[in-house]
Amino acid sequence: MLNCDWFWVALLLNLTYKIGDRTNDSMKNLPLLSASAFAVTSGLVFGTMQAASAASLTWQWNYSGTGITANGNFITNDIPDDLGFYQILGISGTRNGETITGLQTTGTPIPGNEPFEVDNLISLNIQQLTGDGFGYSTSGGNFSSPFFASFLATPGYLEVFSAPPIVPGFENLDLEDSELPISFSATIVTIPEPTSIVSLLALGTLGAASALKRKQLSRFTQKELAKIS
């Protein structure tokens, strides 16, 4: 959650404590306590809705081709664009045993594949990558950029691989570099549920108010019985 949400959490917990601590108050305070609980819970819901807009998704991805095996995780934003693509914010994993060390900055090409800039977009559509694809670096000093090649006779995915010594420009790909067909797949594995904590705290607060009401009714009944006897 965002920092502002912790304010609401603290306020809600403080209110619950005070409800339990003021068991000697008269029942006329109960409507005020209930209204306060509703206001605090509403504030927490609003804050959590704001936090949800900044939430992220975790994906699993993998691709393979001749002499190529790569897999790992993406972190993306949680709201796709009009075409159904999510922005990749982080990446981890391995390629041919080398650890992935970083995501290529959006709007820049991987070294050795200039001037083709990556957009770092991913989708659940049948075509999961764009023609610009995503890029990353590895612990071996290499760079990779999978993308969707619509210009092929049979459109599909390709991976541009750039290895040292790196000479700028895609036309300078050498024997250590490659551009090969791959099979690519990615799926979402975690979806945030920001409203769950709201529900639990709201139920806890209302439960405390209900318990106070029952306790006060019990004391009222005892007093009336004492008067009769």
Protein backbone atom coordinates (compact mmCIF):
# COMPACT_ATOMS: atom_id res chain seq x y z
CA MET A 1 0.00 0.00 0.00
CA LEU A 2 0.96 3.63 -0.34
CA ASN A 3 2.26 5.53 2.69
CA CYS A 4 -1.00 7.44 3.04
CA ASP A 5 -2.84 4.16 3.56
CA TRP A 6 -0.81 3.38 6.69
CA PHE A 7 -2.27 6.55 8.22
CA TRP A 8 -5.75 5.08 7.78
CA VAL A 9 -4.63 1.71 9.12
CA ALA A 10 -3.17 3.32 12.25
CA LEU A 11 -6.26 5.46 12.75
CA LEU A 12 -8.56 2.47 12.33
CA LEU A 13 -6.58 0.35 14.80
CA ASN A 14 -6.51 3.25 17.29
CA LEU A 15 -10.27 3.59 16.99
CA THR A 16 -10.75 -0.13 17.63
CA TYR A 17 -8.56 0.11 20.75
CA LYS A 18 -10.54 3.04 22.07
CA ILE A 19 -13.81 1.20 21.49
CA GLY A 20 -12.57 -1.62 23.70
CA ASP A 21 -11.16 0.80 26.29
CA ARG A 22 -14.34 2.81 26.80
CA THR A 23 -16.69 0.08 27.90
CA ASN A 24 -18.10 2.36 30.65
CA ASP A 25 -19.39 4.97 28.21
CA SER A 26 -23.11 5.26 27.70
CA MET A 27 -24.89 3.83 24.66
CA LYS A 28 -25.40 7.32 23.27
CA ASN A 29 -21.75 7.20 22.05
CA LEU A 30 -22.35 4.11 19.94
CA PRO A 31 -23.72 5.95 16.88
CA LEU A 32 -20.69 8.24 16.95
CA LEU A 33 -18.32 5.28 17.14
CA SER A 34 -20.11 3.53 14.28
CA ALA A 35 -19.98 6.66 12.15
CA SER A 36 -16.31 7.10 12.93
CA ALA A 37 -15.60 3.50 11.98
CA PHE A 38 -17.45 3.96 8.70
CA ALA A 39 -15.54 7.17 7.93
CA VAL A 40 -12.17 5.61 8.66
CA THR A 41 -12.99 2.48 6.66
CA SER A 42 -14.15 4.64 3.75
CA GLY A 43 -10.91 6.56 3.88
CA LEU A 44 -8.92 3.33 3.84
CA VAL A 45 -10.92 2.06 0.85
CA PHE A 46 -10.24 5.29 -1.01
CA GLY A 47 -6.54 5.13 -0.19
CA THR A 48 -6.34 1.50 -1.23
CA MET A 49 -8.05 2.29 -4.54
CA GLN A 50 -5.33 4.85 -5.14
CA ALA A 51 -2.67 2.26 -4.26
CA ALA A 52 -4.24 -0.25 -6.64
CA SER A 53 -3.63 2.09 -9.56
CA ALA A 54 0.08 1.90 -8.77
CA ALA A 55 0.11 -1.87 -8.25
CA SER A 56 2.24 -4.26 -10.28
CA LEU A 57 1.88 -7.71 -11.82
CA THR A 58 4.36 -10.57 -11.84
CA TRP A 59 4.76 -12.62 -15.02
CA GLN A 60 6.62 -15.77 -15.94
CA TRP A 61 8.19 -15.80 -19.39
CA ASN A 62 10.28 -18.14 -21.47
CA TYR A 63 11.52 -18.61 -24.99
CA SER A 64 13.67 -21.06 -26.84
CA GLY A 65 15.22 -21.64 -30.24
CA THR A 66 18.20 -23.33 -31.81
CA GLY A 67 20.91 -23.10 -29.12
CA ILE A 68 18.78 -20.69 -27.05
CA THR A 69 17.01 -21.21 -23.73
CA ALA A 70 15.81 -18.21 -21.70
CA ASN A 71 13.29 -17.82 -18.90
CA GLY A 72 12.45 -15.69 -15.90
CA ASN A 73 10.04 -13.11 -14.52
CA PHE A 74 8.71 -9.71 -15.50
CA ILE A 75 7.30 -7.01 -13.25
CA THR A 76 4.77 -4.84 -15.11
CA ASN A 77 2.20 -2.19 -14.35
CA ASP A 78 -1.28 -3.58 -13.73
CA ILE A 79 -3.27 -1.59 -16.31
CA PRO A 80 -2.81 -2.40 -20.02
CA ASP A 81 -2.90 0.22 -22.77
CA ASP A 82 -5.66 0.41 -25.38
CA LEU A 83 -4.07 -2.45 -27.32
CA GLY A 84 -3.77 -4.70 -24.28
CA PHE A 85 -0.04 -4.25 -23.65
CA TYR A 86 1.52 -3.87 -20.20
CA GLN A 87 4.73 -1.92 -19.54
CA ILE A 88 7.63 -4.06 -18.37
CA LEU A 89 9.23 -2.39 -15.34
CA GLY A 90 11.72 -5.06 -14.28
CA ILE A 91 13.14 -8.38 -15.40
CA SER A 92 14.98 -11.31 -13.88
CA GLY A 93 16.01 -14.75 -15.08
CA THR A 94 18.67 -16.48 -17.15
CA ARG A 95 19.68 -16.95 -20.76
CA ASN A 96 21.81 -19.99 -21.59
CA GLY A 97 22.98 -20.12 -17.99
CA GLU A 98 23.88 -16.42 -17.78
CA THR A 99 22.06 -14.30 -15.21
CA ILE A 100 19.98 -11.45 -16.57
CA THR A 101 21.38 -8.28 -15.03
CA GLY A 102 19.05 -5.55 -16.24
CA LEU A 103 16.23 -4.35 -18.46
CA GLN A 104 17.17 -2.25 -21.47
CA THR A 105 15.89 1.31 -21.02
CA THR A 106 12.62 1.84 -22.86
CA GLY A 107 13.14 3.90 -26.03
CA THR A 108 16.75 2.81 -26.54
CA PRO A 109 18.29 -0.03 -28.61
CA ILE A 110 20.37 -2.81 -27.13
CA PRO A 111 24.06 -2.19 -27.96
CA GLY A 112 24.87 -3.55 -31.40
CA ASN A 113 21.29 -3.33 -32.71
CA GLU A 114 21.07 0.38 -33.40
CA PRO A 115 18.79 2.10 -34.31
CA PHE A 116 16.02 -0.34 -33.29
CA GLU A 117 14.62 0.87 -29.96
CA VAL A 118 12.79 -1.43 -27.56
CA ASP A 119 9.41 -0.51 -26.08
CA ASN A 120 9.40 -3.20 -23.32
CA LEU A 121 5.74 -4.09 -23.79
CA ILE A 122 4.09 -7.46 -23.09
CA SER A 123 0.53 -8.67 -23.66
CA LEU A 124 -1.77 -11.63 -23.10
CA ASN A 125 -2.85 -11.32 -26.74
CA ILE A 126 -1.97 -14.01 -29.26
CA GLN A 127 0.83 -11.66 -30.36
CA GLN A 128 2.49 -11.04 -26.99
CA LEU A 129 5.35 -8.79 -28.13
CA THR A 130 5.41 -5.81 -30.45
CA GLY A 131 7.74 -5.28 -33.37
CA ASP A 132 10.04 -3.35 -31.02
CA GLY A 133 10.15 -6.04 -28.32
CA PHE A 134 12.02 -5.90 -25.02
CA GLY A 135 15.72 -5.96 -24.25
CA TYR A 136 18.04 -7.03 -21.47
CA SER A 137 21.67 -7.53 -20.53
CA THR A 138 23.35 -10.62 -19.06
CA SER A 139 26.22 -11.32 -16.70
CA GLY A 140 28.41 -12.34 -19.64
CA GLY A 141 28.29 -8.83 -21.10
CA ASN A 142 25.80 -9.87 -23.78
CA PHE A 143 22.54 -8.27 -24.86
CA SER A 144 19.33 -9.79 -26.14
CA SER A 145 16.16 -8.40 -27.71
CA PRO A 146 13.21 -10.69 -28.51
CA PHE A 147 10.52 -9.12 -30.73
CA PHE A 148 7.65 -9.98 -33.06
CA ALA A 149 8.71 -10.05 -36.70
CA SER A 150 5.61 -9.24 -38.76
CA PHE A 151 7.77 -8.87 -41.88
CA LEU A 152 8.49 -12.61 -42.11
CA ALA A 153 6.64 -14.73 -44.68
CA THR A 154 5.16 -16.47 -41.63
CA PRO A 155 5.13 -13.83 -38.86
CA GLY A 156 6.71 -14.97 -35.62
CA TYR A 157 9.24 -14.16 -32.93
CA LEU A 158 12.94 -13.47 -33.42
CA GLU A 159 15.74 -12.82 -30.94
CA VAL A 160 18.56 -10.41 -31.72
CA PHE A 161 21.63 -11.42 -29.72
CA SER A 162 24.61 -9.08 -29.44
CA ALA A 163 27.91 -10.21 -27.88
CA PRO A 164 31.31 -8.52 -27.32
CA PRO A 165 33.15 -7.05 -29.06
CA ILE A 166 30.12 -4.88 -29.77
CA VAL A 167 30.17 -2.63 -32.83
CA PRO A 168 27.24 -0.16 -33.00
CA GLY A 169 24.72 -0.75 -35.77
CA PHE A 170 22.62 -3.80 -36.68
CA GLU A 171 24.42 -4.05 -40.02
CA ASN A 172 27.58 -4.89 -38.11
CA LEU A 173 26.33 -8.15 -36.57
CA ASP A 174 29.27 -10.55 -36.55
CA LEU A 175 29.79 -14.29 -36.08
CA GLU A 176 29.30 -14.04 -32.31
CA ASP A 177 25.95 -12.29 -32.85
CA SER A 178 22.71 -13.77 -34.13
CA GLU A 179 19.10 -13.15 -35.16
CA LEU A 180 17.22 -16.43 -34.83
CA PRO A 181 13.59 -17.65 -34.67
CA ILE A 182 12.26 -18.40 -31.20
CA SER A 183 9.10 -19.66 -29.53
CA PHE A 184 7.96 -17.15 -26.90
CA SER A 185 5.40 -17.37 -24.09
CA ALA A 186 4.47 -15.26 -21.04
CA THR A 187 1.72 -15.53 -18.42
CA ILE A 188 0.62 -13.53 -15.38
CA VAL A 189 1.28 -15.45 -12.17
CA THR A 190 0.23 -12.98 -9.44
CA ILE A 191 -2.58 -10.46 -9.32
CA PRO A 192 -2.74 -8.01 -6.37
CA GLU A 193 -5.89 -7.95 -4.22
CA PRO A 194 -5.64 -4.60 -2.41
CA THR A 195 -9.21 -4.74 -1.05
CA SER A 196 -8.56 -7.80 1.14
CA ILE A 197 -6.92 -5.84 3.96
CA VAL A 198 -9.77 -3.31 3.82
CA SER A 199 -12.36 -6.03 4.32
CA LEU A 200 -10.50 -7.55 7.28
CA LEU A 201 -10.00 -4.24 9.07
CA ALA A 202 -13.56 -3.12 8.41
CA LEU A 203 -14.96 -6.37 9.80
CA GLY A 204 -12.69 -6.10 12.82
CA THR A 205 -13.86 -2.56 13.62
CA LEU A 206 -17.55 -3.34 13.17
CA GLY A 207 -17.10 -6.47 15.25
CA ALA A 208 -15.61 -4.43 18.09
CA ALA A 209 -18.52 -1.98 17.93
CA SER A 210 -20.99 -4.87 18.01
CA ALA A 211 -19.26 -6.41 21.03
CA LEU A 212 -19.40 -3.06 22.87
CA LYS A 213 -23.12 -2.77 22.18
CA ARG A 214 -23.79 -6.26 23.56
CA LYS A 215 -21.73 -5.52 26.68
CA GLN A 216 -23.56 -2.25 27.30
CA LEU A 217 -26.95 -3.93 26.84
CA SER A 218 -25.90 -6.58 29.35
CA ARG A 219 -24.97 -3.94 31.94
CA PHE A 220 -28.22 -2.07 31.32
CA THR A 221 -30.20 -5.27 31.91
CA GLN A 222 -28.29 -5.98 35.12
CA LYS A 223 -29.06 -2.50 36.44
CA GLU A 224 -32.77 -2.87 35.68
CA LEU A 225 -32.88 -6.25 37.40
CA ALA A 226 -31.13 -4.74 40.44
CA LYS A 227 -33.79 -2.01 40.68
CA ILE A 228 -36.62 -4.57 40.57
CA SER A 229 -35.06 -6.74 43.30
